[in-house]
Structures are given as structure tokens and as C-alpha cells.
């Protein structure tokens, strides 16, 4: 009997993703993005995202099955993001995943979105070392984690963002600079022609006595806004390239400085950097430079697996199936603000509260 085949569904924000994984190997990876529909609003509009998922769900799943050369009755399990994310978007993905699992007669696994980002690296580099430090950087999340067995043990948070996430900072400053949405790629492109030393932007929470692993990018965003404002009030020409390069350097410096400090403190020899901001050229470059100097292995997924996708959810599902984890109950729901405690996330409605989590440990 062959290894189980897992179909993963991701719909937490503005990408509808379907991925298929068998025994840690990626068989299919399809993403439909509604980003262009949100661009004129300068950010994701939840109702538009949910509607886009409705239109994209079936075509994306069909394309993934075709890419893998499989039929639905050859799928052994379905994994789906149940949180965190936009409520309407998550509901669309969960409803579709439940339908697929029921039609195929296979178990369903609820997956934490951020655990998916961590597992994305396994599709390129194999099993995660035990332990490893993981830096998650995206539009909504910036966290430093200590990960052992991703699906069997709780995930230890070393530090999280206190306000804006790194990607959120990029989006907001890009808008101030007159750059298009999404801000991260726009900042990266503009920075290529800029001088990262042109503007002395602050490095938040890096002074002695600060929380060594917490992040804060709201002040950096404000500093960039004030820099732009001063130039405009004086009628001076604004170098968008210099501003973008200096901002990018500040973010990359803080992220990698704290991540390397965590590796040293916990005597960990592997740093894994995941999430949408892991696609940023300066974050990747500075991480490579500093890890090489410290003798620490750096693992970063391919850029196509850094942003939201179904392959990363299938990767977690594959690990859960191999660990013989309990599937999600039939009444599994969503948790739009779920904390990352375990890779499996199977909230169900409970009396007196919106949801309650059950069966989170494999």
C-alpha cells in the first residue's frame, strides 16, 4: 500500500490555494490570487476576498488534481486552514474542504495557518531539525518560535510583534511613499536603486533591557511617515529609493538580529525563515550573511512557497496523517484569531463562547 496522499486547502486571506503532498513530496501546487481586486483599495477587503474564494475554489482544486495526475477518489485525507485569517474567507475554504472530504470519504484535518508556513520549508529541505528556531514574517504576523516536533509537541513562542507586523509596516510605508499595493514587493523593487544608509531609521526594541525577542514596527512606520512629511513641508525632493532601502535595511536588521540572538540563547544550529516577507531580498540576504558568520544553518523556502498557498497546508496534513493524529470532528469550525499553540487547529462551537479548541495535540 502506498503512502497517503493529502490535499491541502488555504483560504485565509486573498489567495485560494490547493496543494497535494505525499510523504513530504509536493505533487501539485496551485494558487489563485485576488490581489489585483484589492489593489485599488490599498489593502484586502474581506467581502471581496470571500467572494473571490467562492469563484476560485473549484477551478483551483481541479487544476491541482490534474497537475498531480490524480482523481478525488485517490486522495486519502484533506487538510484545511481553520485559522487565523479573515472569517468569511476561512468559511469558504472550510466549507469546500468539508465537501471534498465527505465526497471522497476521507478524514479532514484542521490546520493552523502559521504552522503551514513553518511546514512549507519541509517541502524543499526535508524534515525540520529538532529543535530549530523559526522566524515567521508576513503581513499580519511576526513571531520567533522554538519548534521541536511540529505536529506532536506544543510550539514555544519566544517573541511576537507588539503592534504592526513587518509586512504591515512595508504596506503602510509603501502607501506613504506613493508605491503600489502590496507594499512588500514594491519596497523591495524601489530599494534596489537606493542607499540603505541614507536615512537613520530606528531599530525598535534592540536596546539593552528591551525584550530580546519581541518585535514592534509601529514606531518605524511613524518614523518613515515623519521623514516623508519633513521633506514635503520643506518642498524638498523625496528619494523614494533611499527611503525604501533604509526602511528595508532597518526591518531586516531587527528581524535577523533577534533571530540570531534566539539561536545563540537556545543553542540551536538551524534558523528557518518563513512567511511572505521571507521573499524580501534584503531579509534573505542579511539572514544568509549573519547565519554564515555565526555557523548557523539557514533554511528559507522557495519564494513560491513563502506566500500563502495550499501546499503548506497539505504539508502539515501529511505530517498529521503520518503521526496518526485524530481527524477533525464533523462540526469543526474556524477561529479567525487562533493563537499558534499546535499545528492542528480544530475549534468547534461551544456553549457560551464562539469556539473552543479540541484535539489540538497529535
Protein backbone atom coordinates (compact mmCIF):
# COMPACT_ATOMS: atom_id res chain seq x y z
CA UNK A 1 0.00 0.00 0.00
CA UNK A 2 1.40 3.42 -1.00
CA UNK A 3 1.89 6.43 1.22
CA UNK A 4 -1.24 8.54 1.90
CA UNK A 5 -1.97 11.46 -0.44
CA UNK A 6 -3.10 14.69 1.25
CA UNK A 7 -4.94 17.57 -0.39
CA UNK A 8 -4.43 20.93 1.33
CA UNK A 9 -6.73 23.97 1.09
CA UNK A 10 -5.74 27.53 2.03
CA UNK A 11 -8.16 30.49 2.00
CA UNK A 12 -7.24 32.66 4.99
CA UNK A 13 -6.75 35.92 3.09
CA UNK A 14 -6.61 36.79 -0.62
CA UNK A 15 -5.08 33.62 -2.08
CA UNK A 16 -7.07 30.48 -2.86
CA UNK A 17 -4.55 27.66 -2.68
CA UNK A 18 -4.68 23.93 -3.28
CA UNK A 19 -1.67 21.67 -2.84
CA UNK A 20 -1.15 17.92 -2.87
CA UNK A 21 1.58 16.21 -0.84
CA UNK A 22 2.58 12.58 -0.41
CA UNK A 23 5.25 11.55 2.09
CA UNK A 24 6.79 15.02 2.20
CA UNK A 25 6.90 15.34 -1.58
CA UNK A 26 5.00 18.08 -3.39
CA UNK A 27 2.81 16.70 -6.18
CA UNK A 28 0.79 19.81 -7.02
CA UNK A 29 0.76 23.48 -6.10
CA UNK A 30 -1.88 25.88 -7.48
CA UNK A 31 -2.74 29.39 -6.28
CA UNK A 32 -5.33 31.90 -7.48
CA UNK A 33 -4.85 35.38 -6.07
CA UNK A 34 -7.44 38.16 -5.82
CA UNK A 35 -4.71 40.72 -5.03
CA UNK A 36 -5.44 42.80 -8.12
CA UNK A 37 -9.05 43.24 -6.97
CA UNK A 38 -7.85 44.70 -3.66
CA UNK A 39 -5.06 46.89 -5.03
CA UNK A 40 -7.28 49.92 -5.72
CA UNK A 41 -8.38 49.89 -2.09
CA UNK A 42 -4.81 49.76 -0.77
CA UNK A 43 -5.43 46.57 1.21
CA UNK A 44 -7.52 43.41 1.42
CA UNK A 45 -11.30 43.90 1.52
CA UNK A 46 -12.75 40.87 3.38
CA UNK A 47 -16.00 40.65 1.39
CA UNK A 48 -14.17 40.78 -1.94
CA UNK A 49 -11.73 38.12 -0.73
CA UNK A 50 -14.52 35.76 0.33
CA UNK A 51 -16.32 36.16 -3.00
CA UNK A 52 -13.09 35.54 -4.90
CA UNK A 53 -12.56 32.29 -2.98
CA UNK A 54 -16.05 31.13 -3.99
CA UNK A 55 -15.24 31.63 -7.67
CA UNK A 56 -11.71 30.20 -7.49
CA UNK A 57 -12.19 27.17 -5.23
CA UNK A 58 -13.36 24.52 -7.69
CA UNK A 59 -11.02 25.52 -10.57
CA UNK A 60 -8.01 25.58 -8.25
CA UNK A 61 -8.77 22.15 -6.79
CA UNK A 62 -9.40 20.67 -10.25
CA UNK A 63 -6.12 22.09 -11.54
CA UNK A 64 -4.22 20.69 -8.56
CA UNK A 65 -5.68 17.23 -9.12
CA UNK A 66 -4.84 17.43 -12.83
CA UNK A 67 -1.31 18.59 -12.06
CA UNK A 68 -0.81 15.61 -9.75
CA UNK A 69 -2.44 13.23 -12.22
CA UNK A 70 -4.99 12.17 -9.62
CA UNK A 71 -8.75 11.89 -9.16
CA UNK A 72 -10.57 12.93 -6.00
CA UNK A 73 -11.13 9.28 -5.05
CA UNK A 74 -7.36 8.83 -4.89
CA UNK A 75 -7.00 11.40 -2.09
CA UNK A 76 -6.52 9.90 1.39
CA UNK A 77 -7.06 12.99 3.53
CA UNK A 78 -7.98 16.67 3.25
CA UNK A 79 -6.32 19.41 5.31
CA UNK A 80 -7.66 22.95 5.53
CA UNK A 81 -6.76 26.23 7.20
CA UNK A 82 -9.19 26.82 10.08
CA UNK A 83 -7.47 29.96 11.41
CA UNK A 84 -6.28 32.55 11.84
CA UNK A 85 -7.49 34.74 9.00
CA UNK A 86 -10.48 36.57 7.59
CA UNK A 87 -13.70 34.99 8.85
CA UNK A 88 -15.58 34.87 5.55
CA UNK A 89 -12.54 33.68 3.63
CA UNK A 90 -11.88 30.88 6.12
CA UNK A 91 -15.52 29.80 5.99
CA UNK A 92 -15.39 29.36 2.23
CA UNK A 93 -12.29 27.20 2.40
CA UNK A 94 -13.61 25.09 5.28
CA UNK A 95 -16.99 24.51 3.61
CA UNK A 96 -15.27 23.43 0.41
CA UNK A 97 -12.82 21.17 2.25
CA UNK A 98 -15.63 19.51 4.21
CA UNK A 99 -17.46 18.83 0.95
CA UNK A 100 -14.37 17.30 -0.65
CA UNK A 101 -13.61 15.14 2.40
CA UNK A 102 -17.23 13.94 2.57
CA UNK A 103 -17.37 13.21 -1.17
CA UNK A 104 -14.09 11.28 -1.05
CA UNK A 105 -14.95 9.54 2.24
CA UNK A 106 -11.67 10.59 3.85
CA UNK A 107 -10.67 12.31 7.12
CA UNK A 108 -10.43 16.08 7.45
CA UNK A 109 -7.68 17.87 9.40
CA UNK A 110 -7.89 21.47 10.59
CA UNK A 111 -4.56 23.29 10.33
CA UNK A 112 -3.18 26.46 11.88
CA UNK A 113 -2.20 28.83 9.09
CA UNK A 114 1.16 29.77 10.63
CA UNK A 115 2.09 26.12 11.17
CA UNK A 116 1.56 25.80 7.43
CA UNK A 117 4.18 28.46 6.80
CA UNK A 118 6.62 26.52 9.00
CA UNK A 119 5.88 23.24 7.22
CA UNK A 120 6.37 24.85 3.80
CA UNK A 121 10.11 24.59 4.33
CA UNK A 122 9.91 20.80 4.64
CA UNK A 123 8.75 20.55 1.03
CA UNK A 124 12.09 21.95 -0.09
CA UNK A 125 14.58 20.89 2.59
CA UNK A 126 13.06 17.81 4.25
CA UNK A 127 12.12 17.27 7.91
CA UNK A 128 12.71 20.12 10.34
CA UNK A 129 15.66 19.70 12.70
CA UNK A 130 14.68 19.13 16.36
CA UNK A 131 14.95 21.77 17.69
CA UNK A 132 15.02 24.76 15.34
CA UNK A 133 14.28 28.44 15.66
CA UNK A 134 11.61 29.67 13.25
CA UNK A 135 11.13 33.30 12.27
CA UNK A 136 7.69 33.89 10.78
CA UNK A 137 7.41 37.21 8.95
CA UNK A 138 4.29 38.14 7.00
CA UNK A 139 1.74 40.89 6.51
CA UNK A 140 -0.10 40.01 9.69
CA UNK A 141 2.40 38.11 11.81
CA UNK A 142 5.95 38.44 13.08
CA UNK A 143 6.99 35.77 15.56
CA UNK A 144 10.05 33.92 16.82
CA UNK A 145 9.33 30.30 17.67
CA UNK A 146 11.17 27.34 19.14
CA UNK A 147 9.96 24.28 17.26
CA UNK A 148 10.67 20.67 18.12
CA UNK A 149 8.23 18.12 16.65
CA UNK A 150 5.87 20.38 14.70
CA UNK A 151 2.76 18.18 14.96
CA UNK A 152 3.36 16.31 18.22
CA UNK A 153 4.61 18.98 20.61
CA UNK A 154 3.44 22.47 21.58
CA UNK A 155 5.11 25.37 19.81
CA UNK A 156 7.03 27.71 22.11
CA UNK A 157 6.68 31.42 21.37
CA UNK A 158 9.91 33.24 22.16
CA UNK A 159 8.56 36.57 20.96
CA UNK A 160 5.81 38.14 18.88
CA UNK A 161 5.04 41.54 17.46
CA UNK A 162 3.53 44.01 19.91
CA UNK A 163 1.84 46.06 17.19
CA UNK A 164 2.43 46.20 13.41
CA UNK A 165 3.93 43.14 11.76
CA UNK A 166 6.88 43.58 9.41
CA UNK A 167 4.79 43.11 6.28
CA UNK A 168 2.16 45.51 7.59
CA UNK A 169 4.90 48.10 8.10
CA UNK A 170 6.01 47.64 4.49
CA UNK A 171 2.43 48.03 3.22
CA UNK A 172 1.77 51.21 5.19
CA UNK A 173 5.06 52.90 4.38
CA UNK A 174 4.73 51.97 0.71
CA UNK A 175 1.43 53.83 0.64
CA UNK A 176 3.06 56.87 2.26
CA UNK A 177 5.83 56.76 -0.35
CA UNK A 178 3.30 56.54 -3.17
CA UNK A 179 4.18 52.95 -4.05
CA UNK A 180 1.55 50.39 -5.10
CA UNK A 181 -0.06 47.63 -3.04
CA UNK A 182 1.18 45.13 -1.97
CA UNK A 183 3.86 47.17 -0.31
CA UNK A 184 6.46 44.49 0.36
CA UNK A 185 7.39 43.72 -3.25
CA UNK A 186 7.11 47.44 -4.15
CA UNK A 187 9.52 48.41 -1.34
CA UNK A 188 11.92 45.66 -2.45
CA UNK A 189 11.91 46.88 -6.06
CA UNK A 190 12.34 50.54 -5.15
CA UNK A 191 15.17 49.74 -2.71
CA UNK A 192 17.38 48.34 -5.48
CA UNK A 193 18.28 51.89 -6.55
CA UNK A 194 18.54 53.34 -3.04
CA UNK A 195 21.15 53.82 -0.33
CA UNK A 196 20.25 51.90 2.85
CA UNK A 197 22.39 54.32 4.88
CA UNK A 198 20.70 57.45 3.54
CA UNK A 199 18.15 57.63 6.37
CA UNK A 200 18.87 56.73 10.01
CA UNK A 201 15.65 54.89 10.75
CA UNK A 202 15.35 53.42 14.29
CA UNK A 203 15.81 49.74 15.19
CA UNK A 204 12.85 49.13 17.55
CA UNK A 205 13.33 47.07 20.72
CA UNK A 206 17.05 46.49 20.22
CA UNK A 207 18.37 48.45 23.20
CA UNK A 208 19.76 46.75 26.29
CA UNK A 209 16.89 45.97 28.62
CA UNK A 210 14.31 45.59 25.85
CA UNK A 211 12.55 42.26 25.38
CA UNK A 212 15.18 40.42 23.31
CA UNK A 213 12.66 38.55 21.13
CA UNK A 214 9.66 40.89 20.89
CA UNK A 215 9.04 42.98 17.78
CA UNK A 216 7.50 46.40 17.22
CA UNK A 217 7.28 48.09 13.83
CA UNK A 218 4.70 50.79 14.52
CA UNK A 219 7.38 53.28 15.58
CA UNK A 220 9.44 52.53 12.49
CA UNK A 221 6.38 53.17 10.33
CA UNK A 222 5.83 56.50 12.12
CA UNK A 223 9.49 57.47 11.68
CA UNK A 224 9.20 56.85 7.94
CA UNK A 225 6.00 58.91 7.78
CA UNK A 226 7.67 61.81 9.61
CA UNK A 227 10.67 61.64 7.27
CA UNK A 228 8.36 61.93 4.26
CA UNK A 229 6.38 64.72 5.92
CA UNK A 230 9.51 66.79 6.66
CA UNK A 231 10.65 66.62 3.05
CA UNK A 232 7.25 67.64 1.72
CA UNK A 233 6.84 70.55 4.18
CA UNK A 234 10.23 71.89 3.11
CA UNK A 235 9.44 71.40 -0.56
CA UNK A 236 12.44 69.11 -0.90
CA UNK A 237 12.67 66.33 -3.44
CA UNK A 238 11.96 62.95 -1.86
CA UNK A 239 14.17 59.98 -2.74
CA UNK A 240 11.71 57.11 -2.65
CA UNK A 241 14.53 54.67 -3.43
CA UNK A 242 16.59 55.83 -0.43
CA UNK A 243 13.56 55.71 1.87
CA UNK A 244 12.65 52.22 0.71
CA UNK A 245 16.22 50.95 1.04
CA UNK A 246 16.66 52.43 4.53
CA UNK A 247 13.32 51.05 5.71
CA UNK A 248 14.09 47.61 4.31
CA UNK A 249 17.50 47.63 5.97
CA UNK A 250 16.00 48.54 9.36
CA UNK A 251 13.40 45.76 9.17
CA UNK A 252 15.95 43.15 8.00
CA UNK A 253 18.41 44.22 10.69
CA UNK A 254 15.89 43.87 13.52
CA UNK A 255 14.49 40.55 12.27
CA UNK A 256 17.82 38.84 11.75
CA UNK A 257 19.47 40.31 14.84
CA UNK A 258 16.76 38.91 17.12
CA UNK A 259 16.56 35.58 15.29
CA UNK A 260 20.31 35.00 15.65
CA UNK A 261 20.17 36.02 19.32
CA UNK A 262 17.49 33.36 19.89
CA UNK A 263 19.60 30.71 18.15
CA UNK A 264 22.55 31.52 20.40
CA UNK A 265 20.48 31.66 23.60
CA UNK A 266 18.81 28.29 22.97
CA UNK A 267 21.90 26.64 21.44
CA UNK A 268 20.06 25.95 18.19
CA UNK A 269 22.04 25.40 14.99
CA UNK A 270 19.24 25.92 12.44
CA UNK A 271 17.20 29.04 11.66
CA UNK A 272 14.13 28.71 9.44
CA UNK A 273 12.69 31.91 7.95
CA UNK A 274 9.17 31.66 6.51
CA UNK A 275 6.20 33.81 5.52
CA UNK A 276 5.62 36.38 2.82
CA UNK A 277 8.36 38.75 4.00
CA UNK A 278 10.84 35.88 3.72
CA UNK A 279 10.65 36.63 -0.01
CA UNK A 280 12.22 40.05 0.60
CA UNK A 281 15.69 40.14 -0.94
CA UNK A 282 17.36 42.05 1.89
CA UNK A 283 15.82 39.91 4.63
CA UNK A 284 17.09 36.79 2.85
CA UNK A 285 20.48 38.32 2.07
CA UNK A 286 21.19 39.62 5.56
CA UNK A 287 19.98 36.35 7.12
CA UNK A 288 22.38 34.42 4.87
CA UNK A 289 25.25 36.73 5.78
CA UNK A 290 24.70 36.63 9.53
CA UNK A 291 23.96 32.91 9.70
CA UNK A 292 27.13 32.13 7.76
CA UNK A 293 29.18 34.27 10.15
CA UNK A 294 27.61 32.54 13.18
CA UNK A 295 27.91 29.00 11.82
CA UNK A 296 24.14 28.53 11.78
CA UNK A 297 22.30 26.71 9.02
CA UNK A 298 19.70 28.90 7.30
CA UNK A 299 16.63 27.38 5.70
CA UNK A 300 14.25 29.50 3.62
CA UNK A 301 11.54 28.02 1.38
CA UNK A 302 11.45 28.91 -2.34
CA UNK A 303 9.72 32.22 -2.97
CA UNK A 304 6.66 30.46 -4.41
CA UNK A 305 6.13 28.74 -1.04
CA UNK A 306 6.71 31.84 1.11
CA UNK A 307 3.36 33.46 0.39
CA UNK A 308 0.05 31.80 1.31
CA UNK A 309 -0.56 28.52 -0.52
CA UNK A 310 -2.32 25.17 -0.22
CA UNK A 311 0.91 23.18 -0.47
CA UNK A 312 1.99 24.30 3.00
CA UNK A 313 -1.36 23.21 4.45
CA UNK A 314 -1.05 19.85 2.71
CA UNK A 315 2.45 19.54 4.21
CA UNK A 316 1.03 19.88 7.73
CA UNK A 317 -1.78 17.47 6.86
CA UNK A 318 0.78 14.97 5.60
CA UNK A 319 2.67 15.18 8.90
CA UNK A 320 -0.57 14.81 10.88
CA UNK A 321 -1.59 11.74 8.90
CA UNK A 322 1.84 10.18 9.39
CA UNK A 323 1.60 10.91 13.13
CA UNK A 324 -1.83 9.22 13.19
CA UNK A 325 -3.39 12.39 14.61
CA UNK A 326 -7.09 12.44 15.39
CA UNK A 327 -9.05 13.95 12.45
CA UNK A 328 -11.25 16.99 12.93
CA UNK A 329 -14.81 16.41 14.16
CA UNK A 330 -17.69 16.91 11.73
CA UNK A 331 -18.65 20.18 13.39
CA UNK A 332 -15.18 21.71 13.15
CA UNK A 333 -15.40 25.48 12.80
CA UNK A 334 -13.00 28.36 12.25
CA UNK A 335 -11.06 30.53 14.70
CA UNK A 336 -10.09 33.80 12.95
CA UNK A 337 -7.78 34.86 15.80
CA UNK A 338 -6.39 31.49 16.86
CA UNK A 339 -3.06 31.58 18.73
CA UNK A 340 -0.33 29.28 17.46
CA UNK A 341 -0.07 26.59 20.13
CA UNK A 342 -0.23 23.44 17.99
CA UNK A 343 -0.09 22.74 14.27
CA UNK A 344 -3.52 21.10 14.37
CA UNK A 345 -6.42 23.50 14.90
CA UNK A 346 -9.90 22.03 15.25
CA UNK A 347 -12.16 24.53 17.03
CA UNK A 348 -15.83 23.59 17.48
CA UNK A 349 -18.79 25.65 18.68
CA UNK A 350 -19.18 25.55 22.45
CA UNK A 351 -21.78 26.88 24.88
CA UNK A 352 -21.15 30.44 25.97
CA UNK A 353 -18.34 31.05 23.50
CA UNK A 354 -17.80 31.34 19.78
CA UNK A 355 -15.44 28.35 19.59
CA UNK A 356 -13.41 26.05 21.72
CA UNK A 357 -10.38 24.06 20.56
CA UNK A 358 -10.32 20.30 20.83
CA UNK A 359 -7.84 17.65 19.80
CA UNK A 360 -5.04 20.10 19.14
CA UNK A 361 -2.29 17.74 20.22
CA UNK A 362 -1.45 14.87 17.94
